[in-house]
Amino acid sequence: MMQYRDIAKKIIDLKNADLALRDKLIYEGKLSDGYNEEMKTLHNKNAQILDKIMNTYSKGVAISLSPIATQDNT
């Protein structure tokens, strides 16, 4: 079973792969012509991995992705 450090590392690895591909596509002049297929493929792969992580480790845990929900608005 993955531990929190393993999960964090995996998410950071996904982010770094995304940034590396973005830099490559910028260098090749391929990023500004709509949604690049290579980037789309990577995003879909990353989404599947993130979905698996969330489905595995969020069972019974209330998760809020809204920063407003964690702030005291008084």
PDB file of N, CA and C in Angstrom:
ATOM      1  N   MET A   1       0.845  -1.187   0.000  1.00  0.00           N
ATOM      2  CA  MET A   1       0.000   0.000   0.000  1.00  0.00           C
ATOM      3  C   MET A   1       0.892   1.253   0.000  1.00  0.00           C
ATOM      4  N   MET A   2       0.523   2.216  -0.806  1.00  0.00           N
ATOM      5  CA  MET A   2       1.297   3.459  -0.870  1.00  0.00           C
ATOM      6  C   MET A   2       1.098   4.255   0.409  1.00  0.00           C
ATOM      7  N   GLN A   3       2.152   4.878   0.850  1.00  0.00           N
ATOM      8  CA  GLN A   3       2.086   5.791   1.980  1.00  0.00           C
ATOM      9  C   GLN A   3       1.993   7.218   1.454  1.00  0.00           C
ATOM     10  N   TYR A   4       1.717   8.152   2.359  1.00  0.00           N
ATOM     11  CA  TYR A   4       1.525   9.532   1.938  1.00  0.00           C
ATOM     12  C   TYR A   4       2.746  10.110   1.216  1.00  0.00           C
ATOM     13  N   ARG A   5       3.932   9.764   1.646  1.00  0.00           N
ATOM     14  CA  ARG A   5       5.141  10.249   0.951  1.00  0.00           C
ATOM     15  C   ARG A   5       5.218   9.698  -0.464  1.00  0.00           C
ATOM     16  N   ASP A   6       4.828   8.440  -0.625  1.00  0.00           N
ATOM     17  CA  ASP A   6       4.814   7.831  -1.959  1.00  0.00           C
ATOM     18  C   ASP A   6       3.788   8.522  -2.855  1.00  0.00           C
ATOM     19  N   ILE A   7       2.620   8.826  -2.274  1.00  0.00           N
ATOM     20  CA  ILE A   7       1.578   9.513  -3.034  1.00  0.00           C
ATOM     21  C   ILE A   7       2.051  10.895  -3.448  1.00  0.00           C
ATOM     22  N   ALA A   8       2.648  11.620  -2.497  1.00  0.00           N
ATOM     23  CA  ALA A   8       3.152  12.963  -2.799  1.00  0.00           C
ATOM     24  C   ALA A   8       4.208  12.900  -3.892  1.00  0.00           C
ATOM     25  N   LYS A   9       5.115  11.936  -3.800  1.00  0.00           N
ATOM     26  CA  LYS A   9       6.161  11.802  -4.820  1.00  0.00           C
ATOM     27  C   LYS A   9       5.546  11.507  -6.180  1.00  0.00           C
ATOM     28  N   LYS A  10       4.551  10.633  -6.211  1.00  0.00           N
ATOM     29  CA  LYS A  10       3.899  10.281  -7.478  1.00  0.00           C
ATOM     30  C   LYS A  10       3.243  11.511  -8.102  1.00  0.00           C
ATOM     31  N   ILE A  11       2.549  12.309  -7.286  1.00  0.00           N
ATOM     32  CA  ILE A  11       1.898  13.512  -7.801  1.00  0.00           C
ATOM     33  C   ILE A  11       2.933  14.516  -8.298  1.00  0.00           C
ATOM     34  N   ILE A  12       4.022  14.670  -7.577  1.00  0.00           N
ATOM     35  CA  ILE A  12       5.099  15.563  -8.017  1.00  0.00           C
ATOM     36  C   ILE A  12       5.706  15.057  -9.318  1.00  0.00           C
ATOM     37  N   ASP A  13       5.875  13.747  -9.446  1.00  0.00           N
ATOM     38  CA  ASP A  13       6.390  13.167 -10.695  1.00  0.00           C
ATOM     39  C   ASP A  13       5.456  13.464 -11.870  1.00  0.00           C
ATOM     40  N   LEU A  14       4.134  13.366 -11.627  1.00  0.00           N
ATOM     41  CA  LEU A  14       3.162  13.675 -12.683  1.00  0.00           C
ATOM     42  C   LEU A  14       3.282  15.137 -13.100  1.00  0.00           C
ATOM     43  N   LYS A  15       3.402  16.022 -12.116  1.00  0.00           N
ATOM     44  CA  LYS A  15       3.548  17.457 -12.403  1.00  0.00           C
ATOM     45  C   LYS A  15       4.819  17.710 -13.202  1.00  0.00           C
ATOM     46  N   ASN A  16       5.920  17.080 -12.790  1.00  0.00           N
ATOM     47  CA  ASN A  16       7.196  17.291 -13.478  1.00  0.00           C
ATOM     48  C   ASN A  16       7.163  16.769 -14.910  1.00  0.00           C
ATOM     49  N   ALA A  17       6.486  15.653 -15.131  1.00  0.00           N
ATOM     50  CA  ALA A  17       6.353  15.125 -16.493  1.00  0.00           C
ATOM     51  C   ALA A  17       5.545  16.095 -17.351  1.00  0.00           C
ATOM     52  N   ASP A  18       4.509  16.675 -16.769  1.00  0.00           N
ATOM     53  CA  ASP A  18       3.684  17.649 -17.480  1.00  0.00           C
ATOM     54  C   ASP A  18       4.520  18.880 -17.854  1.00  0.00           C
ATOM     55  N   LEU A  19       5.282  19.384 -16.893  1.00  0.00           N
ATOM     56  CA  LEU A  19       6.106  20.567 -17.151  1.00  0.00           C
ATOM     57  C   LEU A  19       7.199  20.285 -18.182  1.00  0.00           C
ATOM     58  N   ALA A  20       7.790  19.094 -18.111  1.00  0.00           N
ATOM     59  CA  ALA A  20       8.829  18.727 -19.074  1.00  0.00           C
ATOM     60  C   ALA A  20       8.257  18.647 -20.484  1.00  0.00           C
ATOM     61  N   LEU A  21       7.091  18.047 -20.613  1.00  0.00           N
ATOM     62  CA  LEU A  21       6.457  17.957 -21.935  1.00  0.00           C
ATOM     63  C   LEU A  21       6.073  19.347 -22.428  1.00  0.00           C
ATOM     64  N   ARG A  22       5.543  20.173 -21.542  1.00  0.00           N
ATOM     65  CA  ARG A  22       5.180  21.547 -21.930  1.00  0.00           C
ATOM     66  C   ARG A  22       6.404  22.292 -22.446  1.00  0.00           C
ATOM     67  N   ASP A  23       7.528  22.188 -21.730  1.00  0.00           N
ATOM     68  CA  ASP A  23       8.759  22.849 -22.170  1.00  0.00           C
ATOM     69  C   ASP A  23       9.215  22.330 -23.532  1.00  0.00           C
ATOM     70  N   LYS A  24       9.129  21.006 -23.728  1.00  0.00           N
ATOM     71  CA  LYS A  24       9.514  20.405 -25.009  1.00  0.00           C
ATOM     72  C   LYS A  24       8.646  20.940 -26.137  1.00  0.00           C
ATOM     73  N   LEU A  25       7.330  20.983 -25.896  1.00  0.00           N
ATOM     74  CA  LEU A  25       6.410  21.449 -26.927  1.00  0.00           C
ATOM     75  C   LEU A  25       6.603  22.936 -27.222  1.00  0.00           C
ATOM     76  N   ILE A  26       6.897  23.723 -26.201  1.00  0.00           N
ATOM     77  CA  ILE A  26       7.191  25.142 -26.421  1.00  0.00           C
ATOM     78  C   ILE A  26       8.441  25.268 -27.280  1.00  0.00           C
ATOM     79  N   TYR A  27       9.490  24.511 -26.932  1.00  0.00           N
ATOM     80  CA  TYR A  27      10.755  24.550 -27.688  1.00  0.00           C
ATOM     81  C   TYR A  27      10.536  24.159 -29.148  1.00  0.00           C
ATOM     82  N   GLU A  28       9.662  23.183 -29.377  1.00  0.00           N
ATOM     83  CA  GLU A  28       9.380  22.713 -30.739  1.00  0.00           C
ATOM     84  C   GLU A  28       8.336  23.569 -31.455  1.00  0.00           C
ATOM     85  N   GLY A  29       7.784  24.565 -30.752  1.00  0.00           N
ATOM     86  CA  GLY A  29       6.770  25.430 -31.348  1.00  0.00           C
ATOM     87  C   GLY A  29       5.438  24.734 -31.581  1.00  0.00           C
ATOM     88  N   LYS A  30       5.140  23.725 -30.773  1.00  0.00           N
ATOM     89  CA  LYS A  30       3.929  22.926 -30.977  1.00  0.00           C
ATOM     90  C   LYS A  30       2.857  23.161 -29.922  1.00  0.00           C
ATOM     91  N   LEU A  31       3.054  24.119 -29.024  1.00  0.00           N
ATOM     92  CA  LEU A  31       2.098  24.274 -27.939  1.00  0.00           C
ATOM     93  C   LEU A  31       0.998  25.264 -28.254  1.00  0.00           C
ATOM     94  N   SER A  32       1.220  26.168 -29.155  1.00  0.00           N
ATOM     95  CA  SER A  32       0.245  27.232 -29.389  1.00  0.00           C
ATOM     96  C   SER A  32      -0.794  26.897 -30.458  1.00  0.00           C
ATOM     97  N   ASP A  33      -0.762  25.704 -31.003  1.00  0.00           N
ATOM     98  CA  ASP A  33      -1.705  25.315 -32.063  1.00  0.00           C
ATOM     99  C   ASP A  33      -2.842  24.465 -31.516  1.00  0.00           C
ATOM    100  N   GLY A  34      -3.536  24.952 -30.496  1.00  0.00           N
ATOM    101  CA  GLY A  34      -4.617  24.180 -29.901  1.00  0.00           C
ATOM    102  C   GLY A  34      -4.088  23.173 -28.898  1.00  0.00           C
ATOM    103  N   TYR A  35      -4.928  22.228 -28.530  1.00  0.00           N
ATOM    104  CA  TYR A  35      -4.577  21.225 -27.526  1.00  0.00           C
ATOM    105  C   TYR A  35      -3.765  20.122 -28.194  1.00  0.00           C
ATOM    106  N   ASN A  36      -2.477  20.116 -27.937  1.00  0.00           N
ATOM    107  CA  ASN A  36      -1.552  19.167 -28.541  1.00  0.00           C
ATOM    108  C   ASN A  36      -1.920  17.739 -28.140  1.00  0.00           C
ATOM    109  N   GLU A  37      -1.928  16.833 -29.108  1.00  0.00           N
ATOM    110  CA  GLU A  37      -2.318  15.432 -28.857  1.00  0.00           C
ATOM    111  C   GLU A  37      -1.399  14.746 -27.846  1.00  0.00           C
ATOM    112  N   GLU A  38      -0.109  15.049 -27.904  1.00  0.00           N
ATOM    113  CA  GLU A  38       0.827  14.443 -26.957  1.00  0.00           C
ATOM    114  C   GLU A  38       0.514  14.925 -25.536  1.00  0.00           C
ATOM    115  N   MET A  39       0.189  16.210 -25.400  1.00  0.00           N
ATOM    116  CA  MET A  39      -0.171  16.763 -24.095  1.00  0.00           C
ATOM    117  C   MET A  39      -1.493  16.167 -23.625  1.00  0.00           C
ATOM    118  N   LYS A  40      -2.439  16.022 -24.540  1.00  0.00           N
ATOM    119  CA  LYS A  40      -3.735  15.425 -24.202  1.00  0.00           C
ATOM    120  C   LYS A  40      -3.548  14.000 -23.690  1.00  0.00           C
ATOM    121  N   THR A  41      -2.715  13.231 -24.348  1.00  0.00           N
ATOM    122  CA  THR A  41      -2.450  11.856 -23.929  1.00  0.00           C
ATOM    123  C   THR A  41      -1.856  11.825 -22.525  1.00  0.00           C
ATOM    124  N   LEU A  42      -0.889  12.705 -22.264  1.00  0.00           N
ATOM    125  CA  LEU A  42      -0.274  12.758 -20.939  1.00  0.00           C
ATOM    126  C   LEU A  42      -1.300  13.173 -19.883  1.00  0.00           C
ATOM    127  N   HIS A  43      -2.120  14.175 -20.192  1.00  0.00           N
ATOM    128  CA  HIS A  43      -3.140  14.618 -19.233  1.00  0.00           C
ATOM    129  C   HIS A  43      -4.132  13.497 -18.929  1.00  0.00           C
ATOM    130  N   ASN A  44      -4.539  12.756 -19.933  1.00  0.00           N
ATOM    131  CA  ASN A  44      -5.468  11.636 -19.708  1.00  0.00           C
ATOM    132  C   ASN A  44      -4.830  10.549 -18.847  1.00  0.00           C
ATOM    133  N   LYS A  45      -3.559  10.255 -19.108  1.00  0.00           N
ATOM    134  CA  LYS A  45      -2.835   9.271 -18.303  1.00  0.00           C
ATOM    135  C   LYS A  45      -2.727   9.746 -16.861  1.00  0.00           C
ATOM    136  N   ASN A  46      -2.343  11.016 -16.674  1.00  0.00           N
ATOM    137  CA  ASN A  46      -2.222  11.567 -15.326  1.00  0.00           C
ATOM    138  C   ASN A  46      -3.563  11.561 -14.607  1.00  0.00           C
ATOM    139  N   ALA A  47      -4.631  11.880 -15.324  1.00  0.00           N
ATOM    140  CA  ALA A  47      -5.965  11.895 -14.719  1.00  0.00           C
ATOM    141  C   ALA A  47      -6.360  10.503 -14.231  1.00  0.00           C
ATOM    142  N   GLN A  48      -6.024   9.479 -14.988  1.00  0.00           N
ATOM    143  CA  GLN A  48      -6.334   8.111 -14.575  1.00  0.00           C
ATOM    144  C   GLN A  48      -5.571   7.745 -13.305  1.00  0.00           C
ATOM    145  N   ILE A  49      -4.301   8.131 -13.233  1.00  0.00           N
ATOM    146  CA  ILE A  49      -3.484   7.843 -12.060  1.00  0.00           C
ATOM    147  C   ILE A  49      -4.019   8.593 -10.843  1.00  0.00           C
ATOM    148  N   LEU A  50      -4.346   9.872 -11.020  1.00  0.00           N
ATOM    149  CA  LEU A  50      -4.887  10.665  -9.914  1.00  0.00           C
ATOM    150  C   LEU A  50      -6.234  10.121  -9.462  1.00  0.00           C
ATOM    151  N   ASP A  51      -7.064   9.702 -10.399  1.00  0.00           N
ATOM    152  CA  ASP A  51      -8.358   9.124 -10.061  1.00  0.00           C
ATOM    153  C   ASP A  51      -8.176   7.864  -9.221  1.00  0.00           C
ATOM    154  N   LYS A  52      -7.230   7.031  -9.607  1.00  0.00           N
ATOM    155  CA  LYS A  52      -6.959   5.811  -8.856  1.00  0.00           C
ATOM    156  C   LYS A  52      -6.486   6.136  -7.439  1.00  0.00           C
ATOM    157  N   ILE A  53      -5.589   7.114  -7.322  1.00  0.00           N
ATOM    158  CA  ILE A  53      -5.107   7.519  -5.999  1.00  0.00           C
ATOM    159  C   ILE A  53      -6.266   8.021  -5.138  1.00  0.00           C
ATOM    160  N   MET A  54      -7.086   8.887  -5.706  1.00  0.00           N
ATOM    161  CA  MET A  54      -8.207   9.445  -4.937  1.00  0.00           C
ATOM    162  C   MET A  54      -9.212   8.373  -4.543  1.00  0.00           C
ATOM    163  N   ASN A  55      -9.524   7.477  -5.461  1.00  0.00           N
ATOM    164  CA  ASN A  55     -10.488   6.424  -5.156  1.00  0.00           C
ATOM    165  C   ASN A  55      -9.958   5.436  -4.127  1.00  0.00           C
ATOM    166  N   THR A  56      -8.661   5.238  -4.118  1.00  0.00           N
ATOM    167  CA  THR A  56      -8.048   4.298  -3.184  1.00  0.00           C
ATOM    168  C   THR A  56      -7.914   4.892  -1.784  1.00  0.00           C
ATOM    169  N   TYR A  57      -7.527   6.153  -1.699  1.00  0.00           N
ATOM    170  CA  TYR A  57      -7.161   6.721  -0.408  1.00  0.00           C
ATOM    171  C   TYR A  57      -8.158   7.712   0.169  1.00  0.00           C
ATOM    172  N   SER A  58      -9.230   8.003  -0.522  1.00  0.00           N
ATOM    173  CA  SER A  58     -10.179   8.981   0.016  1.00  0.00           C
ATOM    174  C   SER A  58     -11.447   8.339   0.563  1.00  0.00           C
ATOM    175  N   LYS A  59     -11.501   7.045   0.594  1.00  0.00           N
ATOM    176  CA  LYS A  59     -12.703   6.375   1.105  1.00  0.00           C
ATOM    177  C   LYS A  59     -12.920   6.760   2.571  1.00  0.00           C
ATOM    178  N   GLY A  60     -14.088   7.330   2.851  1.00  0.00           N
ATOM    179  CA  GLY A  60     -14.407   7.716   4.216  1.00  0.00           C
ATOM    180  C   GLY A  60     -13.779   9.015   4.665  1.00  0.00           C
ATOM    181  N   VAL A  61     -13.124   9.726   3.747  1.00  0.00           N
ATOM    182  CA  VAL A  61     -12.472  10.985   4.098  1.00  0.00           C
ATOM    183  C   VAL A  61     -13.180  12.108   3.358  1.00  0.00           C
ATOM    184  N   ALA A  62     -13.570  13.131   4.086  1.00  0.00           N
ATOM    185  CA  ALA A  62     -14.192  14.302   3.460  1.00  0.00           C
ATOM    186  C   ALA A  62     -13.093  15.144   2.840  1.00  0.00           C
ATOM    187  N   ILE A  63     -13.200  15.389   1.541  1.00  0.00           N
ATOM    188  CA  ILE A  63     -12.189  16.160   0.826  1.00  0.00           C
ATOM    189  C   ILE A  63     -12.845  17.401   0.242  1.00  0.00           C
ATOM    190  N   SER A  64     -12.241  18.548   0.494  1.00  0.00           N
ATOM    191  CA  SER A  64     -12.709  19.787  -0.107  1.00  0.00           C
ATOM    192  C   SER A  64     -11.580  20.371  -0.928  1.00  0.00           C
ATOM    193  N   LEU A  65     -11.837  20.628  -2.191  1.00  0.00           N
ATOM    194  CA  LEU A  65     -10.833  21.228  -3.055  1.00  0.00           C
ATOM    195  C   LEU A  65     -10.993  22.736  -3.122  1.00  0.00           C
ATOM    196  N   SER A  66     -11.981  23.262  -2.442  1.00  0.00           N
ATOM    197  CA  SER A  66     -12.241  24.688  -2.470  1.00  0.00           C
ATOM    198  C   SER A  66     -11.436  25.400  -1.384  1.00  0.00           C
ATOM    199  N   PRO A  67     -10.572  26.352  -1.776  1.00  0.00           N
ATOM    200  CA  PRO A  67      -9.807  27.079  -0.759  1.00  0.00           C
ATOM    201  C   PRO A  67     -10.716  27.941   0.109  1.00  0.00           C
ATOM    202  N   ILE A  68     -11.855  28.332  -0.405  1.00  0.00           N
ATOM    203  CA  ILE A  68     -12.797  29.165   0.356  1.00  0.00           C
ATOM    204  C   ILE A  68     -13.349  28.372   1.540  1.00  0.00           C
ATOM    205  N   ALA A  69     -13.559  27.083   1.344  1.00  0.00           N
ATOM    206  CA  ALA A  69     -14.142  26.259   2.400  1.00  0.00           C
ATOM    207  C   ALA A  69     -13.216  26.116   3.599  1.00  0.00           C
ATOM    208  N   THR A  70     -11.940  26.388   3.437  1.00  0.00           N
ATOM    209  CA  THR A  70     -10.991  26.239   4.533  1.00  0.00           C
ATOM    210  C   THR A  70     -10.634  27.564   5.186  1.00  0.00           C
ATOM    211  N   GLN A  71     -11.197  28.661   4.689  1.00  0.00           N
ATOM    212  CA  GLN A  71     -10.868  29.967   5.239  1.00  0.00           C
ATOM    213  C   GLN A  71     -11.965  30.430   6.181  1.00  0.00           C
ATOM    214  N   ASP A  72     -11.555  31.152   7.209  1.00  0.00           N
ATOM    215  CA  ASP A  72     -12.502  31.754   8.124  1.00  0.00           C
ATOM    216  C   ASP A  72     -12.899  33.101   7.531  1.00  0.00           C
ATOM    217  N   ASN A  73     -14.133  33.232   7.134  1.00  0.00           N
ATOM    218  CA  ASN A  73     -14.604  34.434   6.460  1.00  0.00           C
ATOM    219  C   ASN A  73     -15.222  35.445   7.423  1.00  0.00           C
ATOM    220  N   THR A  74     -14.742  35.505   8.656  1.00  0.00           N
ATOM    221  CA  THR A  74     -15.287  36.464   9.594  1.00  0.00           C
ATOM    222  C   THR A  74     -14.555  37.775   9.545  1.00  0.00           C
TER     223      THR A  74
END
